[in-house]
Amino acid sequence: MAFRLSFTPEAASVLARLAAERDPKLKKVRKTLGLLEANPRHPGLRTHEFTSLSGPTGEKVFEAYVESRTPGAWRVFWYYGPSPGMIRILNITPHP
């Protein structure tokens, strides 16, 4: 099942900043977002629950890898919703 992505203002501003700065990470972030749309359980994403955060109405939040084995590796934080067939991107950031 393919999902539609929606973005919080924070996540949208990160994407806009990466694009404006022509940051090389943008290509990796876009690849991760494409994999999330197609299959959030894709093995390359290494998706797992991020237990120290929850969605606005208590949804489980997940973390997907943009990079691995890299200092300050980037992650995409997301949850299922707000409606069926959607994934809400909370933030795109270096690993906390």
PDB file of N, CA and C in Angstrom:
ATOM      1  N   MET A   1       0.836  -1.180   0.000  1.00  0.00           N
ATOM      2  CA  MET A   1       0.000   0.000   0.000  1.00  0.00           C
ATOM      3  C   MET A   1       0.881   1.244   0.000  1.00  0.00           C
ATOM      4  N   ALA A   2       0.618   2.147  -0.899  1.00  0.00           N
ATOM      5  CA  ALA A   2       1.342   3.417  -0.939  1.00  0.00           C
ATOM      6  C   ALA A   2       0.686   4.407   0.019  1.00  0.00           C
ATOM      7  N   PHE A   3       1.500   5.231   0.630  1.00  0.00           N
ATOM      8  CA  PHE A   3       1.031   6.228   1.577  1.00  0.00           C
ATOM      9  C   PHE A   3       1.228   7.624   1.002  1.00  0.00           C
ATOM     10  N   ARG A   4       0.413   8.546   1.472  1.00  0.00           N
ATOM     11  CA  ARG A   4       0.610   9.961   1.156  1.00  0.00           C
ATOM     12  C   ARG A   4       1.322  10.583   2.349  1.00  0.00           C
ATOM     13  N   LEU A   5       2.266  11.462   2.068  1.00  0.00           N
ATOM     14  CA  LEU A   5       2.998  12.130   3.134  1.00  0.00           C
ATOM     15  C   LEU A   5       2.432  13.519   3.370  1.00  0.00           C
ATOM     16  N   SER A   6       2.359  13.899   4.634  1.00  0.00           N
ATOM     17  CA  SER A   6       2.059  15.287   4.989  1.00  0.00           C
ATOM     18  C   SER A   6       3.144  15.724   5.968  1.00  0.00           C
ATOM     19  N   PHE A   7       3.408  17.004   5.988  1.00  0.00           N
ATOM     20  CA  PHE A   7       4.546  17.526   6.732  1.00  0.00           C
ATOM     21  C   PHE A   7       4.114  18.573   7.751  1.00  0.00           C
ATOM     22  N   THR A   8       4.715  18.520   8.927  1.00  0.00           N
ATOM     23  CA  THR A   8       4.532  19.598   9.890  1.00  0.00           C
ATOM     24  C   THR A   8       5.278  20.817   9.348  1.00  0.00           C
ATOM     25  N   PRO A   9       4.969  22.000   9.850  1.00  0.00           N
ATOM     26  CA  PRO A   9       5.733  23.179   9.404  1.00  0.00           C
ATOM     27  C   PRO A   9       7.238  23.028   9.652  1.00  0.00           C
ATOM     28  N   GLU A  10       7.606  22.379  10.753  1.00  0.00           N
ATOM     29  CA  GLU A  10       9.023  22.187  11.057  1.00  0.00           C
ATOM     30  C   GLU A  10       9.708  21.328   9.992  1.00  0.00           C
ATOM     31  N   ALA A  11       9.061  20.223   9.628  1.00  0.00           N
ATOM     32  CA  ALA A  11       9.640  19.329   8.622  1.00  0.00           C
ATOM     33  C   ALA A  11       9.694  20.014   7.259  1.00  0.00           C
ATOM     34  N   ALA A  12       8.651  20.739   6.915  1.00  0.00           N
ATOM     35  CA  ALA A  12       8.624  21.447   5.631  1.00  0.00           C
ATOM     36  C   ALA A  12       9.734  22.498   5.565  1.00  0.00           C
ATOM     37  N   SER A  13       9.990  23.180   6.687  1.00  0.00           N
ATOM     38  CA  SER A  13      11.040  24.204   6.675  1.00  0.00           C
ATOM     39  C   SER A  13      12.424  23.576   6.540  1.00  0.00           C
ATOM     40  N   VAL A  14      12.630  22.399   7.108  1.00  0.00           N
ATOM     41  CA  VAL A  14      13.917  21.710   6.941  1.00  0.00           C
ATOM     42  C   VAL A  14      14.129  21.363   5.469  1.00  0.00           C
ATOM     43  N   LEU A  15      13.095  20.823   4.825  1.00  0.00           N
ATOM     44  CA  LEU A  15      13.213  20.498   3.390  1.00  0.00           C
ATOM     45  C   LEU A  15      13.502  21.750   2.568  1.00  0.00           C
ATOM     46  N   ALA A  16      12.804  22.831   2.871  1.00  0.00           N
ATOM     47  CA  ALA A  16      13.018  24.076   2.134  1.00  0.00           C
ATOM     48  C   ALA A  16      14.435  24.602   2.344  1.00  0.00           C
ATOM     49  N   ARG A  17      14.923  24.518   3.570  1.00  0.00           N
ATOM     50  CA  ARG A  17      16.279  24.987   3.858  1.00  0.00           C
ATOM     51  C   ARG A  17      17.321  24.147   3.132  1.00  0.00           C
ATOM     52  N   LEU A  18      17.147  22.815   3.158  1.00  0.00           N
ATOM     53  CA  LEU A  18      18.093  21.937   2.452  1.00  0.00           C
ATOM     54  C   LEU A  18      18.108  22.252   0.960  1.00  0.00           C
ATOM     55  N   ALA A  19      16.927  22.511   0.391  1.00  0.00           N
ATOM     56  CA  ALA A  19      16.843  22.840  -1.033  1.00  0.00           C
ATOM     57  C   ALA A  19      17.486  24.193  -1.321  1.00  0.00           C
ATOM     58  N   ALA A  20      17.209  25.183  -0.477  1.00  0.00           N
ATOM     59  CA  ALA A  20      17.758  26.524  -0.691  1.00  0.00           C
ATOM     60  C   ALA A  20      19.278  26.526  -0.588  1.00  0.00           C
ATOM     61  N   GLU A  21      19.801  25.715   0.325  1.00  0.00           N
ATOM     62  CA  GLU A  21      21.254  25.653   0.520  1.00  0.00           C
ATOM     63  C   GLU A  21      21.927  24.656  -0.421  1.00  0.00           C
ATOM     64  N   ARG A  22      21.117  23.978  -1.222  1.00  0.00           N
ATOM     65  CA  ARG A  22      21.636  22.933  -2.115  1.00  0.00           C
ATOM     66  C   ARG A  22      22.484  21.929  -1.353  1.00  0.00           C
ATOM     67  N   ASP A  23      21.972  21.571  -0.190  1.00  0.00           N
ATOM     68  CA  ASP A  23      22.672  20.633   0.694  1.00  0.00           C
ATOM     69  C   ASP A  23      22.643  19.233   0.084  1.00  0.00           C
ATOM     70  N   PRO A  24      23.781  18.544   0.039  1.00  0.00           N
ATOM     71  CA  PRO A  24      23.816  17.191  -0.515  1.00  0.00           C
ATOM     72  C   PRO A  24      22.924  16.198   0.244  1.00  0.00           C
ATOM     73  N   LYS A  25      22.569  16.501   1.494  1.00  0.00           N
ATOM     74  CA  LYS A  25      21.695  15.615   2.258  1.00  0.00           C
ATOM     75  C   LYS A  25      20.289  15.567   1.677  1.00  0.00           C
ATOM     76  N   LEU A  26      19.903  16.585   0.917  1.00  0.00           N
ATOM     77  CA  LEU A  26      18.556  16.636   0.352  1.00  0.00           C
ATOM     78  C   LEU A  26      18.253  15.402  -0.486  1.00  0.00           C
ATOM     79  N   LYS A  27      19.211  14.946  -1.264  1.00  0.00           N
ATOM     80  CA  LYS A  27      19.006  13.754  -2.090  1.00  0.00           C
ATOM     81  C   LYS A  27      18.719  12.535  -1.222  1.00  0.00           C
ATOM     82  N   LYS A  28      19.459  12.381  -0.124  1.00  0.00           N
ATOM     83  CA  LYS A  28      19.243  11.256   0.787  1.00  0.00           C
ATOM     84  C   LYS A  28      17.891  11.360   1.485  1.00  0.00           C
ATOM     85  N   VAL A  29      17.519  12.576   1.891  1.00  0.00           N
ATOM     86  CA  VAL A  29      16.229  12.785   2.552  1.00  0.00           C
ATOM     87  C   VAL A  29      15.097  12.445   1.586  1.00  0.00           C
ATOM     88  N   ARG A  30      15.193  12.899   0.355  1.00  0.00           N
ATOM     89  CA  ARG A  30      14.152  12.595  -0.639  1.00  0.00           C
ATOM     90  C   ARG A  30      14.041  11.094  -0.907  1.00  0.00           C
ATOM     91  N   LYS A  31      15.163  10.415  -0.935  1.00  0.00           N
ATOM     92  CA  LYS A  31      15.135   8.962  -1.128  1.00  0.00           C
ATOM     93  C   LYS A  31      14.406   8.298   0.035  1.00  0.00           C
ATOM     94  N   THR A  32      14.727   8.723   1.266  1.00  0.00           N
ATOM     95  CA  THR A  32      14.062   8.175   2.452  1.00  0.00           C
ATOM     96  C   THR A  32      12.566   8.426   2.397  1.00  0.00           C
ATOM     97  N   LEU A  33      12.159   9.639   2.031  1.00  0.00           N
ATOM     98  CA  LEU A  33      10.734   9.965   1.948  1.00  0.00           C
ATOM     99  C   LEU A  33      10.041   9.125   0.882  1.00  0.00           C
ATOM    100  N   GLY A  34      10.712   8.877  -0.222  1.00  0.00           N
ATOM    101  CA  GLY A  34      10.145   8.025  -1.266  1.00  0.00           C
ATOM    102  C   GLY A  34       9.941   6.597  -0.786  1.00  0.00           C
ATOM    103  N   LEU A  35      10.916   6.077  -0.045  1.00  0.00           N
ATOM    104  CA  LEU A  35      10.776   4.731   0.510  1.00  0.00           C
ATOM    105  C   LEU A  35       9.639   4.681   1.531  1.00  0.00           C
ATOM    106  N   LEU A  36       9.503   5.728   2.336  1.00  0.00           N
ATOM    107  CA  LEU A  36       8.403   5.783   3.309  1.00  0.00           C
ATOM    108  C   LEU A  36       7.055   5.752   2.609  1.00  0.00           C
ATOM    109  N   GLU A  37       6.924   6.498   1.525  1.00  0.00           N
ATOM    110  CA  GLU A  37       5.666   6.513   0.760  1.00  0.00           C
ATOM    111  C   GLU A  37       5.324   5.121   0.249  1.00  0.00           C
ATOM    112  N   ALA A  38       6.320   4.434  -0.253  1.00  0.00           N
ATOM    113  CA  ALA A  38       6.095   3.123  -0.859  1.00  0.00           C
ATOM    114  C   ALA A  38       5.929   2.017   0.169  1.00  0.00           C
ATOM    115  N   ASN A  39       6.770   2.037   1.213  1.00  0.00           N
ATOM    116  CA  ASN A  39       6.759   0.956   2.198  1.00  0.00           C
ATOM    117  C   ASN A  39       7.497   1.400   3.459  1.00  0.00           C
ATOM    118  N   PRO A  40       6.768   1.853   4.485  1.00  0.00           N
ATOM    119  CA  PRO A  40       7.437   2.316   5.697  1.00  0.00           C
ATOM    120  C   PRO A  40       8.258   1.235   6.403  1.00  0.00           C
ATOM    121  N   ARG A  41       8.057  -0.018   6.031  1.00  0.00           N
ATOM    122  CA  ARG A  41       8.818  -1.113   6.642  1.00  0.00           C
ATOM    123  C   ARG A  41       9.979  -1.575   5.765  1.00  0.00           C
ATOM    124  N   HIS A  42      10.318  -0.784   4.777  1.00  0.00           N
ATOM    125  CA  HIS A  42      11.451  -1.125   3.907  1.00  0.00           C
ATOM    126  C   HIS A  42      12.691  -1.338   4.784  1.00  0.00           C
ATOM    127  N   PRO A  43      13.418  -2.438   4.587  1.00  0.00           N
ATOM    128  CA  PRO A  43      14.568  -2.747   5.447  1.00  0.00           C
ATOM    129  C   PRO A  43      15.634  -1.653   5.476  1.00  0.00           C
ATOM    130  N   GLY A  44      15.813  -0.934   4.386  1.00  0.00           N
ATOM    131  CA  GLY A  44      16.824   0.115   4.330  1.00  0.00           C
ATOM    132  C   GLY A  44      16.525   1.295   5.239  1.00  0.00           C
ATOM    133  N   LEU A  45      15.268   1.454   5.620  1.00  0.00           N
ATOM    134  CA  LEU A  45      14.892   2.564   6.498  1.00  0.00           C
ATOM    135  C   LEU A  45      15.211   2.288   7.964  1.00  0.00           C
ATOM    136  N   ARG A  46      15.334   1.013   8.294  1.00  0.00           N
ATOM    137  CA  ARG A  46      15.564   0.600   9.688  1.00  0.00           C
ATOM    138  C   ARG A  46      14.544   1.252  10.626  1.00  0.00           C
ATOM    139  N   THR A  47      13.317   1.294  10.195  1.00  0.00           N
ATOM    140  CA  THR A  47      12.255   1.941  10.965  1.00  0.00           C
ATOM    141  C   THR A  47      12.038   1.245  12.292  1.00  0.00           C
ATOM    142  N   HIS A  48      11.926   2.062  13.342  1.00  0.00           N
ATOM    143  CA  HIS A  48      11.595   1.531  14.659  1.00  0.00           C
ATOM    144  C   HIS A  48      10.899   2.618  15.473  1.00  0.00           C
ATOM    145  N   GLU A  49      10.176   2.165  16.483  1.00  0.00           N
ATOM    146  CA  GLU A  49       9.442   3.108  17.328  1.00  0.00           C
ATOM    147  C   GLU A  49      10.425   3.969  18.112  1.00  0.00           C
ATOM    148  N   PHE A  50      10.095   5.233  18.223  1.00  0.00           N
ATOM    149  CA  PHE A  50      10.880   6.187  19.003  1.00  0.00           C
ATOM    150  C   PHE A  50      10.067   6.476  20.256  1.00  0.00           C
ATOM    151  N   THR A  51      10.393   5.787  21.332  1.00  0.00           N
ATOM    152  CA  THR A  51       9.522   5.757  22.503  1.00  0.00           C
ATOM    153  C   THR A  51       9.508   7.039  23.324  1.00  0.00           C
ATOM    154  N   SER A  52      10.480   7.915  23.152  1.00  0.00           N
ATOM    155  CA  SER A  52      10.496   9.128  23.967  1.00  0.00           C
ATOM    156  C   SER A  52       9.702  10.276  23.344  1.00  0.00           C
ATOM    157  N   LEU A  53       8.915   9.971  22.322  1.00  0.00           N
ATOM    158  CA  LEU A  53       8.107  10.978  21.651  1.00  0.00           C
ATOM    159  C   LEU A  53       6.787  10.344  21.257  1.00  0.00           C
ATOM    160  N   SER A  54       5.714  11.136  21.261  1.00  0.00           N
ATOM    161  CA  SER A  54       4.430  10.640  20.772  1.00  0.00           C
ATOM    162  C   SER A  54       3.782  11.717  19.920  1.00  0.00           C
ATOM    163  N   GLY A  55       2.842  11.292  19.082  1.00  0.00           N
ATOM    164  CA  GLY A  55       2.135  12.223  18.216  1.00  0.00           C
ATOM    165  C   GLY A  55       1.202  13.119  19.010  1.00  0.00           C
ATOM    166  N   PRO A  56       0.555  14.076  18.344  1.00  0.00           N
ATOM    167  CA  PRO A  56      -0.286  15.050  19.037  1.00  0.00           C
ATOM    168  C   PRO A  56      -1.471  14.442  19.784  1.00  0.00           C
ATOM    169  N   THR A  57      -1.942  13.292  19.339  1.00  0.00           N
ATOM    170  CA  THR A  57      -3.043  12.633  20.061  1.00  0.00           C
ATOM    171  C   THR A  57      -2.612  11.257  20.562  1.00  0.00           C
ATOM    172  N   GLY A  58      -1.322  11.138  20.890  1.00  0.00           N
ATOM    173  CA  GLY A  58      -0.805   9.916  21.484  1.00  0.00           C
ATOM    174  C   GLY A  58      -0.359   8.849  20.505  1.00  0.00           C
ATOM    175  N   GLU A  59      -0.255   9.170  19.221  1.00  0.00           N
ATOM    176  CA  GLU A  59       0.181   8.187  18.227  1.00  0.00           C
ATOM    177  C   GLU A  59       1.615   7.744  18.501  1.00  0.00           C
ATOM    178  N   LYS A  60       1.907   6.507  18.125  1.00  0.00           N
ATOM    179  CA  LYS A  60       3.289   6.021  18.195  1.00  0.00           C
ATOM    180  C   LYS A  60       4.099   6.742  17.127  1.00  0.00           C
ATOM    181  N   VAL A  61       5.255   7.227  17.521  1.00  0.00           N
ATOM    182  CA  VAL A  61       6.154   7.898  16.594  1.00  0.00           C
ATOM    183  C   VAL A  61       7.262   6.930  16.217  1.00  0.00           C
ATOM    184  N   PHE A  62       7.633   6.961  14.953  1.00  0.00           N
ATOM    185  CA  PHE A  62       8.671   6.091  14.427  1.00  0.00           C
ATOM    186  C   PHE A  62       9.828   6.924  13.900  1.00  0.00           C
ATOM    187  N   GLU A  63      10.971   6.277  13.848  1.00  0.00           N
ATOM    188  CA  GLU A  63      12.195   6.893  13.356  1.00  0.00           C
ATOM    189  C   GLU A  63      12.658   6.076  12.150  1.00  0.00           C
ATOM    190  N   ALA A  64      12.980   6.761  11.052  1.00  0.00           N
ATOM    191  CA  ALA A  64      13.529   6.107   9.868  1.00  0.00           C
ATOM    192  C   ALA A  64      14.889   6.729   9.572  1.00  0.00           C
ATOM    193  N   TYR A  65      15.818   5.901   9.163  1.00  0.00           N
ATOM    194  CA  TYR A  65      17.180   6.356   8.906  1.00  0.00           C
ATOM    195  C   TYR A  65      17.285   7.036   7.544  1.00  0.00           C
ATOM    196  N   VAL A  66      17.940   8.183   7.526  1.00  0.00           N
ATOM    197  CA  VAL A  66      18.366   8.815   6.281  1.00  0.00           C
ATOM    198  C   VAL A  66      19.804   8.370   6.012  1.00  0.00           C
ATOM    199  N   GLU A  67      20.577   8.321   7.093  1.00  0.00           N
ATOM    200  CA  GLU A  67      21.970   7.891   7.032  1.00  0.00           C
ATOM    201  C   GLU A  67      22.227   6.961   8.212  1.00  0.00           C
ATOM    202  N   SER A  68      23.267   6.185   8.101  1.00  0.00           N
ATOM    203  CA  SER A  68      23.696   5.365   9.236  1.00  0.00           C
ATOM    204  C   SER A  68      25.219   5.348   9.258  1.00  0.00           C
ATOM    205  N   ARG A  69      25.737   5.006  10.417  1.00  0.00           N
ATOM    206  CA  ARG A  69      27.189   4.922  10.607  1.00  0.00           C
ATOM    207  C   ARG A  69      27.908   6.192  10.174  1.00  0.00           C
ATOM    208  N   THR A  70      27.275   7.315  10.479  1.00  0.00           N
ATOM    209  CA  THR A  70      27.820   8.617  10.154  1.00  0.00           C
ATOM    210  C   THR A  70      27.634   9.506  11.376  1.00  0.00           C
ATOM    211  N   PRO A  71      28.662  10.231  11.808  1.00  0.00           N
ATOM    212  CA  PRO A  71      28.458  11.143  12.936  1.00  0.00           C
ATOM    213  C   PRO A  71      27.349  12.139  12.607  1.00  0.00           C
ATOM    214  N   GLY A  72      26.399  12.301  13.512  1.00  0.00           N
ATOM    215  CA  GLY A  72      25.283  13.219  13.285  1.00  0.00           C
ATOM    216  C   GLY A  72      24.345  12.747  12.194  1.00  0.00           C
ATOM    217  N   ALA A  73      24.229  11.435  12.030  1.00  0.00           N
ATOM    218  CA  ALA A  73      23.375  10.870  10.979  1.00  0.00           C
ATOM    219  C   ALA A  73      21.950  11.406  11.084  1.00  0.00           C
ATOM    220  N   TRP A  74      21.332  11.671   9.950  1.00  0.00           N
ATOM    221  CA  TRP A  74      19.997  12.256   9.913  1.00  0.00           C
ATOM    222  C   TRP A  74      18.919  11.188  10.018  1.00  0.00           C
ATOM    223  N   ARG A  75      17.774  11.608  10.575  1.00  0.00           N
ATOM    224  CA  ARG A  75      16.624  10.741  10.772  1.00  0.00           C
ATOM    225  C   ARG A  75      15.346  11.472  10.369  1.00  0.00           C
ATOM    226  N   VAL A  76      14.325  10.692  10.044  1.00  0.00           N
ATOM    227  CA  VAL A  76      12.985  11.223   9.785  1.00  0.00           C
ATOM    228  C   VAL A  76      12.082  10.662  10.869  1.00  0.00           C
ATOM    229  N   PHE A  77      11.395  11.537  11.579  1.00  0.00           N
ATOM    230  CA  PHE A  77      10.469  11.135  12.632  1.00  0.00           C
ATOM    231  C   PHE A  77       9.048  11.303  12.101  1.00  0.00           C
ATOM    232  N   TRP A  78       8.229  10.268  12.272  1.00  0.00           N
ATOM    233  CA  TRP A  78       6.907  10.260  11.654  1.00  0.00           C
ATOM    234  C   TRP A  78       5.928   9.389  12.434  1.00  0.00           C
ATOM    235  N   TYR A  79       4.646   9.518  12.081  1.00  0.00           N
ATOM    236  CA  TYR A  79       3.609   8.641  12.625  1.00  0.00           C
ATOM    237  C   TYR A  79       2.546   8.407  11.562  1.00  0.00           C
ATOM    238  N   TYR A  80       1.769   7.349  11.754  1.00  0.00           N
ATOM    239  CA  TYR A  80       0.671   7.044  10.835  1.00  0.00           C
ATOM    240  C   TYR A  80      -0.478   7.998  11.117  1.00  0.00           C
ATOM    241  N   GLY A  81      -1.014   8.609  10.090  1.00  0.00           N
ATOM    242  CA  GLY A  81      -2.168   9.482  10.244  1.00  0.00           C
ATOM    243  C   GLY A  81      -1.900  10.814   9.579  1.00  0.00           C
ATOM    244  N   PRO A  82      -2.749  11.768   9.715  1.00  0.00           N
ATOM    245  CA  PRO A  82      -3.920  11.827  10.576  1.00  0.00           C
ATOM    246  C   PRO A  82      -5.136  11.085  10.040  1.00  0.00           C
ATOM    247  N   SER A  83      -5.074  10.612   8.797  1.00  0.00           N
ATOM    248  CA  SER A  83      -6.170   9.807   8.275  1.00  0.00           C
ATOM    249  C   SER A  83      -5.594   8.546   7.638  1.00  0.00           C
ATOM    250  N   PRO A  84      -6.426   7.551   7.380  1.00  0.00           N
ATOM    251  CA  PRO A  84      -5.912   6.301   6.793  1.00  0.00           C
ATOM    252  C   PRO A  84      -5.144   6.555   5.494  1.00  0.00           C
ATOM    253  N   GLY A  85      -4.063   5.832   5.330  1.00  0.00           N
ATOM    254  CA  GLY A  85      -3.258   5.949   4.117  1.00  0.00           C
ATOM    255  C   GLY A  85      -2.310   7.133   4.119  1.00  0.00           C
ATOM    256  N   MET A  86      -2.158   7.778   5.278  1.00  0.00           N
ATOM    257  CA  MET A  86      -1.266   8.936   5.369  1.00  0.00           C
ATOM    258  C   MET A  86      -0.167   8.698   6.396  1.00  0.00           C
ATOM    259  N   ILE A  87       0.943   9.345   6.157  1.00  0.00           N
ATOM    260  CA  ILE A  87       2.048   9.394   7.108  1.00  0.00           C
ATOM    261  C   ILE A  87       2.356  10.865   7.340  1.00  0.00           C
ATOM    262  N   ARG A  88       2.430  11.241   8.602  1.00  0.00           N
ATOM    263  CA  ARG A  88       2.740  12.624   8.975  1.00  0.00           C
ATOM    264  C   ARG A  88       4.207  12.694   9.367  1.00  0.00           C
ATOM    265  N   ILE A  89       4.965  13.518   8.664  1.00  0.00           N
ATOM    266  CA  ILE A  89       6.382  13.716   8.951  1.00  0.00           C
ATOM    267  C   ILE A  89       6.485  14.810  10.011  1.00  0.00           C
ATOM    268  N   LEU A  90       6.968  14.416  11.194  1.00  0.00           N
ATOM    269  CA  LEU A  90       7.111  15.366  12.292  1.00  0.00           C
ATOM    270  C   LEU A  90       8.339  16.247  12.129  1.00  0.00           C
ATOM    271  N   ASN A  91       9.467  15.615  11.837  1.00  0.00           N
ATOM    272  CA  ASN A  91      10.699  16.372  11.702  1.00  0.00           C
ATOM    273  C   ASN A  91      11.745  15.570  10.949  1.00  0.00           C
ATOM    274  N   ILE A  92      12.689  16.274  10.399  1.00  0.00           N
ATOM    275  CA  ILE A  92      13.833  15.707   9.692  1.00  0.00           C
ATOM    276  C   ILE A  92      15.045  16.375  10.328  1.00  0.00           C
ATOM    277  N   THR A  93      15.881  15.579  10.984  1.00  0.00           N
ATOM    278  CA  THR A  93      16.914  16.185  11.814  1.00  0.00           C
ATOM    279  C   THR A  93      18.085  15.232  12.033  1.00  0.00           C
ATOM    280  N   PRO A  94      19.233  15.771  12.444  1.00  0.00           N
ATOM    281  CA  PRO A  94      20.309  14.879  12.864  1.00  0.00           C
ATOM    282  C   PRO A  94      19.859  14.063  14.084  1.00  0.00           C
ATOM    283  N   HIS A  95      20.393  12.881  14.219  1.00  0.00           N
ATOM    284  CA  HIS A  95      20.007  11.998  15.312  1.00  0.00           C
ATOM    285  C   HIS A  95      20.225  12.704  16.645  1.00  0.00           C
ATOM    286  N   PRO A  96      19.191  12.671  17.496  1.00  0.00           N
ATOM    287  CA  PRO A  96      19.319  13.350  18.798  1.00  0.00           C
ATOM    288  C   PRO A  96      20.300  12.660  19.726  1.00  0.00           C
TER     289      PRO A  96
END
